[in-house]
């Protein structure tokens, strides 16, 4: 980086990066996993899956909110020479770093269907939903403070995740229009051409 600038990734984008793969892998695993009767039977499997979906979504959405709030409270203004990483680069880094974990989770969800049909897939989908809810909560936090939250890329773990992990000493903030991702980490909607 020129003149001491740092590479910065959006916190909400890092959080949201795993939501879609977990959701879709979970939906596919639940669909395939509902075919076998399993040990418990389909009805119990789907009911257990619904409970796991809700529990997983709630746990992921609520965990570490205090840490995120504390980091947001102490966020310093991004420097002139800091480089804002594109949304696509952040998402690609997270997904590439976690691809084997995603595959392992999917295989385990499919395998569990022979014991409890559909439950493992529904849990995966719940984890993805929880990440999306957490990113939406971060988006509301960013809108309320009118500051987008960024984390130094070199403070993320080697798989491109953990934006509120122990290695993260603080966040940086920019104006609400900076970067190519909206508050909450979604793609910015561009104005329609007339």
C-alpha atoms as a PDB file:
ATOM      1  CA  UNK A   1       0.000   0.000   0.000  1.00  0.00           C
ATOM      2  CA  UNK A   2       1.246   3.473  -0.766  1.00  0.00           C
ATOM      3  CA  UNK A   3       2.322   5.701   2.140  1.00  0.00           C
ATOM      4  CA  UNK A   4       1.318   3.306   4.879  1.00  0.00           C
ATOM      5  CA  UNK A   5      -2.278   2.701   3.810  1.00  0.00           C
ATOM      6  CA  UNK A   6      -4.053  -0.521   4.760  1.00  0.00           C
ATOM      7  CA  UNK A   7      -6.303  -2.837   2.787  1.00  0.00           C
ATOM      8  CA  UNK A   8      -9.792  -2.717   4.329  1.00  0.00           C
ATOM      9  CA  UNK A   9     -12.685  -5.167   3.937  1.00  0.00           C
ATOM     10  CA  UNK A  10     -16.289  -4.399   4.889  1.00  0.00           C
ATOM     11  CA  UNK A  11     -17.282  -6.134   8.121  1.00  0.00           C
ATOM     12  CA  UNK A  12     -20.855  -6.782   6.955  1.00  0.00           C
ATOM     13  CA  UNK A  13     -19.631  -8.272   3.666  1.00  0.00           C
ATOM     14  CA  UNK A  14     -17.350 -10.714   5.505  1.00  0.00           C
ATOM     15  CA  UNK A  15     -20.253 -11.729   7.758  1.00  0.00           C
ATOM     16  CA  UNK A  16     -22.680 -12.076   4.846  1.00  0.00           C
ATOM     17  CA  UNK A  17     -20.264 -13.986   2.567  1.00  0.00           C
ATOM     18  CA  UNK A  18     -21.227 -17.390   3.956  1.00  0.00           C
ATOM     19  CA  UNK A  19     -24.979 -16.824   4.043  1.00  0.00           C
ATOM     20  CA  UNK A  20     -25.837 -17.842   0.471  1.00  0.00           C
ATOM     21  CA  UNK A  21     -23.626 -20.960   0.253  1.00  0.00           C
ATOM     22  CA  UNK A  22     -24.816 -22.258   3.622  1.00  0.00           C
ATOM     23  CA  UNK A  23     -28.462 -21.576   2.730  1.00  0.00           C
ATOM     24  CA  UNK A  24     -28.335 -23.287  -0.675  1.00  0.00           C
ATOM     25  CA  UNK A  25     -26.239 -26.241   0.496  1.00  0.00           C
ATOM     26  CA  UNK A  26     -28.689 -26.648   3.381  1.00  0.00           C
ATOM     27  CA  UNK A  27     -31.740 -26.523   1.114  1.00  0.00           C
ATOM     28  CA  UNK A  28     -30.246 -29.117  -1.253  1.00  0.00           C
ATOM     29  CA  UNK A  29     -29.159 -31.357   1.654  1.00  0.00           C
ATOM     30  CA  UNK A  30     -32.600 -31.080   3.281  1.00  0.00           C
ATOM     31  CA  UNK A  31     -34.334 -31.891  -0.008  1.00  0.00           C
ATOM     32  CA  UNK A  32     -32.171 -34.948  -0.687  1.00  0.00           C
ATOM     33  CA  UNK A  33     -32.180 -35.845   3.006  1.00  0.00           C
ATOM     34  CA  UNK A  34     -35.960 -36.040   3.128  1.00  0.00           C
ATOM     35  CA  UNK A  35     -35.951 -39.060   0.772  1.00  0.00           C
ATOM     36  CA  UNK A  36     -34.768 -41.752   3.230  1.00  0.00           C
ATOM     37  CA  UNK A  37     -37.040 -42.707   6.115  1.00  0.00           C
ATOM     38  CA  UNK A  38     -34.102 -42.643   8.507  1.00  0.00           C
ATOM     39  CA  UNK A  39     -34.158 -43.986  12.034  1.00  0.00           C
ATOM     40  CA  UNK A  40     -36.661 -41.439  13.336  1.00  0.00           C
ATOM     41  CA  UNK A  41     -38.941 -41.175  10.320  1.00  0.00           C
ATOM     42  CA  UNK A  42     -39.530 -38.139   8.091  1.00  0.00           C
ATOM     43  CA  UNK A  43     -42.045 -36.352  10.310  1.00  0.00           C
ATOM     44  CA  UNK A  44     -39.772 -36.312  13.370  1.00  0.00           C
ATOM     45  CA  UNK A  45     -36.781 -35.488  11.169  1.00  0.00           C
ATOM     46  CA  UNK A  46     -38.483 -32.434   9.676  1.00  0.00           C
ATOM     47  CA  UNK A  47     -39.716 -31.265  13.101  1.00  0.00           C
ATOM     48  CA  UNK A  48     -36.213 -31.685  14.552  1.00  0.00           C
ATOM     49  CA  UNK A  49     -34.853 -29.857  11.512  1.00  0.00           C
ATOM     50  CA  UNK A  50     -37.225 -26.947  12.087  1.00  0.00           C
ATOM     51  CA  UNK A  51     -36.033 -26.648  15.688  1.00  0.00           C
ATOM     52  CA  UNK A  52     -32.386 -26.837  14.556  1.00  0.00           C
ATOM     53  CA  UNK A  53     -33.056 -24.234  11.839  1.00  0.00           C
ATOM     54  CA  UNK A  54     -34.479 -21.753  14.363  1.00  0.00           C
ATOM     55  CA  UNK A  55     -31.818 -22.473  16.994  1.00  0.00           C
ATOM     56  CA  UNK A  56     -28.966 -22.181  14.487  1.00  0.00           C
ATOM     57  CA  UNK A  57     -30.312 -18.959  12.972  1.00  0.00           C
ATOM     58  CA  UNK A  58     -30.829 -17.361  16.402  1.00  0.00           C
ATOM     59  CA  UNK A  59     -27.432 -18.434  17.744  1.00  0.00           C
ATOM     60  CA  UNK A  60     -25.487 -17.155  14.727  1.00  0.00           C
ATOM     61  CA  UNK A  61     -27.490 -13.915  14.526  1.00  0.00           C
ATOM     62  CA  UNK A  62     -27.033 -13.057  18.213  1.00  0.00           C
ATOM     63  CA  UNK A  63     -23.522 -14.286  19.056  1.00  0.00           C
ATOM     64  CA  UNK A  64     -20.796 -11.627  19.607  1.00  0.00           C
ATOM     65  CA  UNK A  65     -23.080  -8.629  19.129  1.00  0.00           C
ATOM     66  CA  UNK A  66     -21.457  -6.956  22.129  1.00  0.00           C
ATOM     67  CA  UNK A  67     -18.016  -7.336  20.533  1.00  0.00           C
ATOM     68  CA  UNK A  68     -19.241  -5.859  17.244  1.00  0.00           C
ATOM     69  CA  UNK A  69     -20.842  -2.937  19.122  1.00  0.00           C
ATOM     70  CA  UNK A  70     -17.671  -2.282  21.120  1.00  0.00           C
ATOM     71  CA  UNK A  71     -15.543  -2.334  17.970  1.00  0.00           C
ATOM     72  CA  UNK A  72     -18.007  -0.009  16.207  1.00  0.00           C
ATOM     73  CA  UNK A  73     -17.907   2.406  19.164  1.00  0.00           C
ATOM     74  CA  UNK A  74     -14.136   2.688  18.865  1.00  0.00           C
ATOM     75  CA  UNK A  75     -13.967   2.810  15.063  1.00  0.00           C
ATOM     76  CA  UNK A  76     -11.345   5.260  13.778  1.00  0.00           C
ATOM     77  CA  UNK A  77     -11.742   7.234  10.578  1.00  0.00           C
ATOM     78  CA  UNK A  78     -10.229   5.450   7.560  1.00  0.00           C
ATOM     79  CA  UNK A  79      -7.054   7.093   6.329  1.00  0.00           C
ATOM     80  CA  UNK A  80      -6.498   8.848   3.038  1.00  0.00           C
ATOM     81  CA  UNK A  81      -4.279   6.053   1.724  1.00  0.00           C
ATOM     82  CA  UNK A  82      -6.362   3.123   2.949  1.00  0.00           C
ATOM     83  CA  UNK A  83      -7.584   0.907   0.107  1.00  0.00           C
ATOM     84  CA  UNK A  84     -11.216  -0.230   0.221  1.00  0.00           C
ATOM     85  CA  UNK A  85     -11.536  -3.823  -0.968  1.00  0.00           C
ATOM     86  CA  UNK A  86     -14.303  -4.587  -3.457  1.00  0.00           C
ATOM     87  CA  UNK A  87     -17.265  -6.594  -2.233  1.00  0.00           C
ATOM     88  CA  UNK A  88     -16.627  -9.354  -4.785  1.00  0.00           C
ATOM     89  CA  UNK A  89     -13.009  -9.772  -3.653  1.00  0.00           C
ATOM     90  CA  UNK A  90     -14.044 -10.083   0.006  1.00  0.00           C
ATOM     91  CA  UNK A  91     -16.784 -12.618  -0.789  1.00  0.00           C
ATOM     92  CA  UNK A  92     -14.463 -14.651  -3.032  1.00  0.00           C
ATOM     93  CA  UNK A  93     -11.725 -14.740  -0.368  1.00  0.00           C
ATOM     94  CA  UNK A  94     -14.174 -15.959   2.303  1.00  0.00           C
ATOM     95  CA  UNK A  95     -15.737 -18.614   0.084  1.00  0.00           C
ATOM     96  CA  UNK A  96     -12.386 -19.858  -1.196  1.00  0.00           C
ATOM     97  CA  UNK A  97     -11.039 -20.038   2.356  1.00  0.00           C
ATOM     98  CA  UNK A  98     -14.073 -21.933   3.640  1.00  0.00           C
ATOM     99  CA  UNK A  99     -14.842 -24.190   0.637  1.00  0.00           C
ATOM    100  CA  UNK A 100     -13.670 -27.398   2.341  1.00  0.00           C
ATOM    101  CA  UNK A 101     -15.637 -26.594   5.504  1.00  0.00           C
ATOM    102  CA  UNK A 102     -18.730 -25.957   3.390  1.00  0.00           C
ATOM    103  CA  UNK A 103     -18.251 -29.255   1.570  1.00  0.00           C
ATOM    104  CA  UNK A 104     -17.692 -31.132   4.839  1.00  0.00           C
ATOM    105  CA  UNK A 105     -20.832 -29.560   6.358  1.00  0.00           C
ATOM    106  CA  UNK A 106     -22.860 -30.571   3.309  1.00  0.00           C
ATOM    107  CA  UNK A 107     -21.570 -34.167   3.396  1.00  0.00           C
ATOM    108  CA  UNK A 108     -22.334 -34.422   7.129  1.00  0.00           C
ATOM    109  CA  UNK A 109     -25.821 -32.985   6.587  1.00  0.00           C
ATOM    110  CA  UNK A 110     -26.476 -35.575   3.875  1.00  0.00           C
ATOM    111  CA  UNK A 111     -25.057 -38.381   5.998  1.00  0.00           C
ATOM    112  CA  UNK A 112     -27.183 -37.428   8.991  1.00  0.00           C
ATOM    113  CA  UNK A 113     -30.320 -37.890   6.875  1.00  0.00           C
ATOM    114  CA  UNK A 114     -30.043 -41.662   7.325  1.00  0.00           C
ATOM    115  CA  UNK A 115     -30.591 -41.095  11.049  1.00  0.00           C
ATOM    116  CA  UNK A 116     -32.747 -37.936  11.153  1.00  0.00           C
ATOM    117  CA  UNK A 117     -34.115 -37.033   7.680  1.00  0.00           C
ATOM    118  CA  UNK A 118     -33.666 -33.409   6.520  1.00  0.00           C
ATOM    119  CA  UNK A 119     -32.477 -32.155   9.930  1.00  0.00           C
ATOM    120  CA  UNK A 120     -28.813 -31.602   9.017  1.00  0.00           C
ATOM    121  CA  UNK A 121     -29.695 -29.680   5.869  1.00  0.00           C
ATOM    122  CA  UNK A 122     -32.168 -27.511   7.756  1.00  0.00           C
ATOM    123  CA  UNK A 123     -29.475 -26.724  10.327  1.00  0.00           C
ATOM    124  CA  UNK A 124     -27.093 -25.605   7.541  1.00  0.00           C
ATOM    125  CA  UNK A 125     -29.834 -23.405   6.065  1.00  0.00           C
ATOM    126  CA  UNK A 126     -30.458 -21.962   9.532  1.00  0.00           C
ATOM    127  CA  UNK A 127     -26.782 -21.045   9.905  1.00  0.00           C
ATOM    128  CA  UNK A 128     -26.927 -19.241   6.554  1.00  0.00           C
ATOM    129  CA  UNK A 129     -30.076 -17.405   7.623  1.00  0.00           C
ATOM    130  CA  UNK A 130     -28.364 -16.387  10.876  1.00  0.00           C
ATOM    131  CA  UNK A 131     -25.444 -14.872   8.960  1.00  0.00           C
ATOM    132  CA  UNK A 132     -27.851 -12.880   6.783  1.00  0.00           C
ATOM    133  CA  UNK A 133     -29.703 -11.646   9.887  1.00  0.00           C
ATOM    134  CA  UNK A 134     -26.421 -10.632  11.534  1.00  0.00           C
ATOM    135  CA  UNK A 135     -25.366  -8.740   8.385  1.00  0.00           C
ATOM    136  CA  UNK A 136     -28.757  -6.981   8.346  1.00  0.00           C
ATOM    137  CA  UNK A 137     -28.258  -6.019  12.018  1.00  0.00           C
ATOM    138  CA  UNK A 138     -24.814  -4.620  11.141  1.00  0.00           C
ATOM    139  CA  UNK A 139     -26.460  -2.668   8.313  1.00  0.00           C
ATOM    140  CA  UNK A 140     -28.908  -1.089  10.779  1.00  0.00           C
ATOM    141  CA  UNK A 141     -25.971  -0.255  13.066  1.00  0.00           C
ATOM    142  CA  UNK A 142     -24.137   1.375  10.143  1.00  0.00           C
ATOM    143  CA  UNK A 143     -27.196   3.391   9.102  1.00  0.00           C
ATOM    144  CA  UNK A 144     -27.817   4.581  12.662  1.00  0.00           C
ATOM    145  CA  UNK A 145     -24.208   5.782  12.963  1.00  0.00           C
ATOM    146  CA  UNK A 146     -23.999   6.890   9.311  1.00  0.00           C
ATOM    147  CA  UNK A 147     -20.665   5.073   9.135  1.00  0.00           C
ATOM    148  CA  UNK A 148     -19.683   1.992   7.164  1.00  0.00           C
ATOM    149  CA  UNK A 149     -17.496  -0.369   9.222  1.00  0.00           C
ATOM    150  CA  UNK A 150     -14.265  -1.783   7.781  1.00  0.00           C
ATOM    151  CA  UNK A 151     -11.665  -4.200   9.124  1.00  0.00           C
ATOM    152  CA  UNK A 152      -8.024  -4.496   8.113  1.00  0.00           C
ATOM    153  CA  UNK A 153      -7.593  -7.419   5.722  1.00  0.00           C
ATOM    154  CA  UNK A 154      -4.420  -8.579   7.488  1.00  0.00           C
ATOM    155  CA  UNK A 155      -6.396  -8.915  10.750  1.00  0.00           C
ATOM    156  CA  UNK A 156      -8.836 -11.429   9.245  1.00  0.00           C
ATOM    157  CA  UNK A 157      -7.966 -15.092   9.744  1.00  0.00           C
ATOM    158  CA  UNK A 158      -6.192 -17.028   7.005  1.00  0.00           C
ATOM    159  CA  UNK A 159      -9.561 -18.092   5.555  1.00  0.00           C
ATOM    160  CA  UNK A 160     -10.747 -14.472   5.234  1.00  0.00           C
ATOM    161  CA  UNK A 161     -13.194 -14.596   8.150  1.00  0.00           C
ATOM    162  CA  UNK A 162     -13.611 -13.590  11.822  1.00  0.00           C
ATOM    163  CA  UNK A 163     -14.069  -9.804  11.425  1.00  0.00           C
ATOM    164  CA  UNK A 164     -14.564  -9.492  15.203  1.00  0.00           C
ATOM    165  CA  UNK A 165     -11.960 -12.073  16.226  1.00  0.00           C
ATOM    166  CA  UNK A 166      -9.229 -11.664  18.809  1.00  0.00           C
ATOM    167  CA  UNK A 167      -6.736 -10.464  16.171  1.00  0.00           C
ATOM    168  CA  UNK A 168      -8.957  -7.468  15.331  1.00  0.00           C
ATOM    169  CA  UNK A 169      -7.778  -4.497  17.400  1.00  0.00           C
ATOM    170  CA  UNK A 170     -10.273  -2.008  15.999  1.00  0.00           C
ATOM    171  CA  UNK A 171     -12.387  -1.051  13.016  1.00  0.00           C
ATOM    172  CA  UNK A 172     -12.214   1.834  10.587  1.00  0.00           C
ATOM    173  CA  UNK A 173     -15.143   3.920   9.460  1.00  0.00           C
ATOM    174  CA  UNK A 174     -16.028   5.716   6.237  1.00  0.00           C
ATOM    175  CA  UNK A 175     -18.965   7.696   4.970  1.00  0.00           C
ATOM    176  CA  UNK A 176     -22.120   5.808   4.073  1.00  0.00           C
ATOM    177  CA  UNK A 177     -21.474   6.107   0.308  1.00  0.00           C
ATOM    178  CA  UNK A 178     -17.961   4.575   0.312  1.00  0.00           C
ATOM    179  CA  UNK A 179     -17.227   1.288  -1.416  1.00  0.00           C
ATOM    180  CA  UNK A 180     -19.428  -0.839  -3.633  1.00  0.00           C
ATOM    181  CA  UNK A 181     -21.585  -2.482  -0.939  1.00  0.00           C
ATOM    182  CA  UNK A 182     -24.627  -0.998   0.785  1.00  0.00           C
ATOM    183  CA  UNK A 183     -25.062  -1.021   4.583  1.00  0.00           C
ATOM    184  CA  UNK A 184     -25.463  -4.662   5.599  1.00  0.00           C
ATOM    185  CA  UNK A 185     -23.101  -5.898   2.876  1.00  0.00           C
ATOM    186  CA  UNK A 186     -25.539  -6.296  -0.028  1.00  0.00           C
ATOM    187  CA  UNK A 187     -24.677  -5.052  -3.512  1.00  0.00           C
ATOM    188  CA  UNK A 188     -25.505  -1.415  -4.031  1.00  0.00           C
ATOM    189  CA  UNK A 189     -28.480  -0.902  -6.289  1.00  0.00           C
ATOM    190  CA  UNK A 190     -27.507   1.288  -9.215  1.00  0.00           C
ATOM    191  CA  UNK A 191     -29.909   3.824 -10.591  1.00  0.00           C
ATOM    192  CA  UNK A 192     -31.773   2.580 -13.653  1.00  0.00           C
ATOM    193  CA  UNK A 193     -30.704   4.193 -16.923  1.00  0.00           C
ATOM    194  CA  UNK A 194     -33.441   6.091 -18.720  1.00  0.00           C
END
